[in-house]
Amino acid sequence: WSLVIGHWSLVIGHWSLVIGHWSLVIGHWSLVSCHWSVVSCQLSVSNFLLYPSEVGGKIGRVTVKVVPSPTLLVT
């Protein structure tokens, strides 16, 4: 359930949105943003937990990595 596109990347998961250099990870109750250079960036947000209230106790787990090349990966 995701889309990854080149330099200005859009990655759309179940409850997440990641956009290009200015990365935003938007969960139901959380927001993570970074403004680091793609040339040297190695950002890793491991086991990022999202708690959607619609499904009660169910937990979605998202891992976001920004690699040195202008590409965003979401697993």
N, C-alpha and C. Protein backbone atom coordinates (compact mmCIF):
# COMPACT_ATOMS: atom_id res chain seq x y z
N TRP A 1 0.84 -1.21 0.00
CA TRP A 1 0.00 0.00 0.00
C TRP A 1 0.86 1.25 0.00
N SER A 2 1.88 1.26 -0.85
CA SER A 2 2.78 2.42 -0.83
C SER A 2 3.20 2.79 -2.24
N LEU A 3 3.62 4.04 -2.39
CA LEU A 3 4.09 4.55 -3.67
C LEU A 3 5.40 5.28 -3.44
N VAL A 4 6.44 4.88 -4.18
CA VAL A 4 7.74 5.53 -4.03
C VAL A 4 8.16 6.12 -5.37
N ILE A 5 8.40 7.43 -5.39
CA ILE A 5 8.75 8.09 -6.64
C ILE A 5 9.99 8.98 -6.47
N GLY A 6 11.11 8.56 -7.06
CA GLY A 6 12.30 9.38 -7.31
C GLY A 6 12.66 10.48 -6.31
N HIS A 7 13.07 11.63 -6.87
CA HIS A 7 13.71 12.68 -6.08
C HIS A 7 12.77 13.28 -5.04
N TRP A 8 11.67 13.82 -5.50
CA TRP A 8 10.66 14.33 -4.55
C TRP A 8 9.70 13.19 -4.26
N SER A 9 10.05 12.37 -3.30
CA SER A 9 9.34 11.12 -3.10
C SER A 9 8.04 11.30 -2.34
N LEU A 10 7.04 10.56 -2.79
CA LEU A 10 5.80 10.42 -2.03
C LEU A 10 5.69 8.97 -1.63
N VAL A 11 5.61 8.72 -0.34
CA VAL A 11 5.41 7.36 0.14
C VAL A 11 4.16 7.36 0.99
N ILE A 12 3.15 6.64 0.51
CA ILE A 12 1.88 6.66 1.21
C ILE A 12 1.57 5.25 1.72
N GLY A 13 1.64 5.09 3.02
CA GLY A 13 1.30 3.82 3.65
C GLY A 13 -0.07 3.90 4.27
N HIS A 14 -0.37 2.96 5.15
CA HIS A 14 -1.71 2.88 5.69
C HIS A 14 -2.08 4.14 6.46
N TRP A 15 -1.16 4.59 7.32
CA TRP A 15 -1.42 5.82 8.08
C TRP A 15 -0.21 6.73 8.05
N SER A 16 0.43 6.84 6.89
CA SER A 16 1.64 7.65 6.86
C SER A 16 1.80 8.38 5.54
N LEU A 17 2.51 9.50 5.57
CA LEU A 17 2.82 10.26 4.37
C LEU A 17 4.26 10.75 4.49
N VAL A 18 5.08 10.46 3.47
CA VAL A 18 6.47 10.89 3.48
C VAL A 18 6.74 11.65 2.20
N ILE A 19 7.29 12.87 2.31
CA ILE A 19 7.49 13.72 1.15
C ILE A 19 8.93 14.22 1.08
N GLY A 20 9.66 13.76 0.05
CA GLY A 20 10.95 14.32 -0.37
C GLY A 20 11.96 14.69 0.70
N HIS A 21 12.74 15.76 0.42
CA HIS A 21 13.75 16.24 1.35
C HIS A 21 13.12 16.59 2.69
N TRP A 22 11.98 17.26 2.63
CA TRP A 22 11.30 17.72 3.84
C TRP A 22 10.37 16.60 4.27
N SER A 23 10.93 15.65 5.01
CA SER A 23 10.19 14.42 5.29
C SER A 23 9.18 14.64 6.42
N LEU A 24 7.95 14.21 6.16
CA LEU A 24 6.93 14.25 7.18
C LEU A 24 6.40 12.83 7.37
N VAL A 25 6.39 12.39 8.62
CA VAL A 25 5.73 11.14 8.93
C VAL A 25 4.56 11.49 9.83
N ILE A 26 3.36 11.31 9.31
CA ILE A 26 2.18 11.77 10.02
C ILE A 26 1.35 10.58 10.48
N GLY A 27 1.35 10.35 11.78
CA GLY A 27 0.50 9.32 12.36
C GLY A 27 -0.72 9.97 12.97
N HIS A 28 -1.60 9.13 13.54
CA HIS A 28 -2.83 9.67 14.08
C HIS A 28 -2.55 10.63 15.23
N TRP A 29 -1.57 10.27 16.06
CA TRP A 29 -1.26 11.13 17.20
C TRP A 29 0.17 11.63 17.18
N SER A 30 0.82 11.68 16.01
CA SER A 30 2.24 12.01 16.03
C SER A 30 2.69 12.68 14.75
N LEU A 31 3.79 13.43 14.84
CA LEU A 31 4.36 14.09 13.68
C LEU A 31 5.88 14.11 13.82
N VAL A 32 6.58 13.64 12.78
CA VAL A 32 8.04 13.70 12.77
C VAL A 32 8.47 14.43 11.51
N SER A 33 9.30 15.46 11.65
CA SER A 33 9.77 16.16 10.47
C SER A 33 11.29 16.34 10.53
N CYS A 34 11.94 16.30 9.36
CA CYS A 34 13.38 16.50 9.32
C CYS A 34 13.74 17.35 8.11
N HIS A 35 14.81 18.13 8.22
CA HIS A 35 15.23 19.01 7.14
C HIS A 35 16.71 18.78 6.86
N TRP A 36 17.09 17.55 6.57
CA TRP A 36 18.51 17.28 6.39
C TRP A 36 18.87 17.12 4.93
N SER A 37 20.12 17.43 4.60
CA SER A 37 20.59 17.32 3.22
C SER A 37 20.57 15.88 2.75
N VAL A 38 20.00 15.66 1.55
CA VAL A 38 19.93 14.32 0.99
C VAL A 38 21.33 13.75 0.74
N VAL A 39 22.31 14.63 0.53
CA VAL A 39 23.66 14.18 0.22
C VAL A 39 24.24 13.34 1.36
N SER A 40 24.02 13.77 2.60
CA SER A 40 24.63 13.06 3.72
C SER A 40 23.61 12.47 4.68
N CYS A 41 22.35 12.49 4.27
CA CYS A 41 21.29 12.09 5.20
C CYS A 41 21.23 10.58 5.40
N GLN A 42 21.20 10.17 6.64
CA GLN A 42 20.91 8.79 6.98
C GLN A 42 20.00 8.78 8.19
N LEU A 43 18.74 9.11 7.94
CA LEU A 43 17.75 9.18 9.00
C LEU A 43 17.05 7.84 9.12
N SER A 44 16.91 7.37 10.35
CA SER A 44 16.19 6.12 10.56
C SER A 44 15.23 6.28 11.72
N VAL A 45 13.94 6.10 11.42
CA VAL A 45 12.94 6.10 12.47
C VAL A 45 12.44 4.66 12.59
N SER A 46 12.93 3.96 13.59
CA SER A 46 12.65 2.53 13.70
C SER A 46 11.42 2.28 14.58
N ASN A 47 10.62 1.33 14.14
CA ASN A 47 9.45 0.91 14.90
C ASN A 47 8.57 2.09 15.29
N PHE A 48 8.34 2.97 14.32
CA PHE A 48 7.49 4.13 14.53
C PHE A 48 6.06 3.64 14.72
N LEU A 49 5.50 3.91 15.88
CA LEU A 49 4.20 3.34 16.22
C LEU A 49 3.07 4.32 15.94
N LEU A 50 2.04 3.81 15.28
CA LEU A 50 0.85 4.60 15.02
C LEU A 50 -0.33 3.94 15.73
N TYR A 51 -1.15 4.76 16.37
CA TYR A 51 -2.29 4.23 17.10
C TYR A 51 -3.58 4.81 16.56
N PRO A 52 -4.12 4.25 15.50
CA PRO A 52 -5.38 4.76 14.97
C PRO A 52 -6.54 4.42 15.90
N SER A 53 -7.29 5.44 16.29
CA SER A 53 -8.38 5.22 17.25
C SER A 53 -9.52 4.42 16.63
N GLU A 54 -9.64 4.44 15.28
CA GLU A 54 -10.76 3.77 14.64
C GLU A 54 -10.78 2.27 14.88
N VAL A 55 -9.58 1.68 15.04
CA VAL A 55 -9.52 0.24 15.17
C VAL A 55 -9.11 -0.19 16.57
N GLY A 56 -9.43 0.66 17.54
CA GLY A 56 -9.22 0.31 18.93
C GLY A 56 -7.77 0.04 19.26
N GLY A 57 -7.48 -1.18 19.72
CA GLY A 57 -6.15 -1.50 20.21
C GLY A 57 -5.17 -1.93 19.13
N LYS A 58 -5.59 -1.98 17.88
CA LYS A 58 -4.69 -2.44 16.84
C LYS A 58 -3.57 -1.43 16.58
N ILE A 59 -2.36 -1.92 16.39
CA ILE A 59 -1.20 -1.06 16.21
C ILE A 59 -0.59 -1.27 14.84
N GLY A 60 -0.37 -0.16 14.10
CA GLY A 60 0.37 -0.24 12.85
C GLY A 60 1.81 0.17 13.11
N ARG A 61 2.73 -0.51 12.45
CA ARG A 61 4.15 -0.21 12.67
C ARG A 61 4.80 0.20 11.36
N VAL A 62 5.50 1.35 11.38
CA VAL A 62 6.11 1.88 10.17
C VAL A 62 7.59 2.16 10.42
N THR A 63 8.44 1.73 9.52
CA THR A 63 9.86 2.06 9.59
C THR A 63 10.22 2.92 8.39
N VAL A 64 10.85 4.06 8.66
CA VAL A 64 11.20 5.00 7.61
C VAL A 64 12.71 5.18 7.56
N LYS A 65 13.28 5.06 6.37
CA LYS A 65 14.71 5.30 6.22
C LYS A 65 14.95 6.21 5.02
N VAL A 66 15.79 7.22 5.22
CA VAL A 66 16.19 8.09 4.12
C VAL A 66 17.65 7.78 3.82
N VAL A 67 17.91 7.27 2.63
CA VAL A 67 19.26 6.84 2.27
C VAL A 67 19.99 7.95 1.53
N PRO A 68 21.34 7.87 1.41
CA PRO A 68 22.13 8.94 0.79
C PRO A 68 21.66 9.30 -0.62
N SER A 69 21.23 8.35 -1.41
CA SER A 69 20.67 8.71 -2.71
C SER A 69 19.31 9.35 -2.50
N PRO A 70 18.85 10.18 -3.45
CA PRO A 70 17.57 10.88 -3.27
C PRO A 70 16.38 9.93 -3.39
N THR A 71 16.28 9.01 -2.45
CA THR A 71 15.20 8.03 -2.47
C THR A 71 14.72 7.80 -1.05
N LEU A 72 13.42 7.63 -0.90
CA LEU A 72 12.86 7.33 0.41
C LEU A 72 12.34 5.90 0.41
N LEU A 73 12.65 5.19 1.47
CA LEU A 73 12.21 3.81 1.59
C LEU A 73 11.31 3.67 2.80
N VAL A 74 10.19 2.98 2.62
CA VAL A 74 9.32 2.70 3.75
C VAL A 74 9.03 1.21 3.79
N THR A 75 9.26 0.62 4.95
CA THR A 75 8.97 -0.81 5.10
C THR A 75 7.98 -1.02 6.22
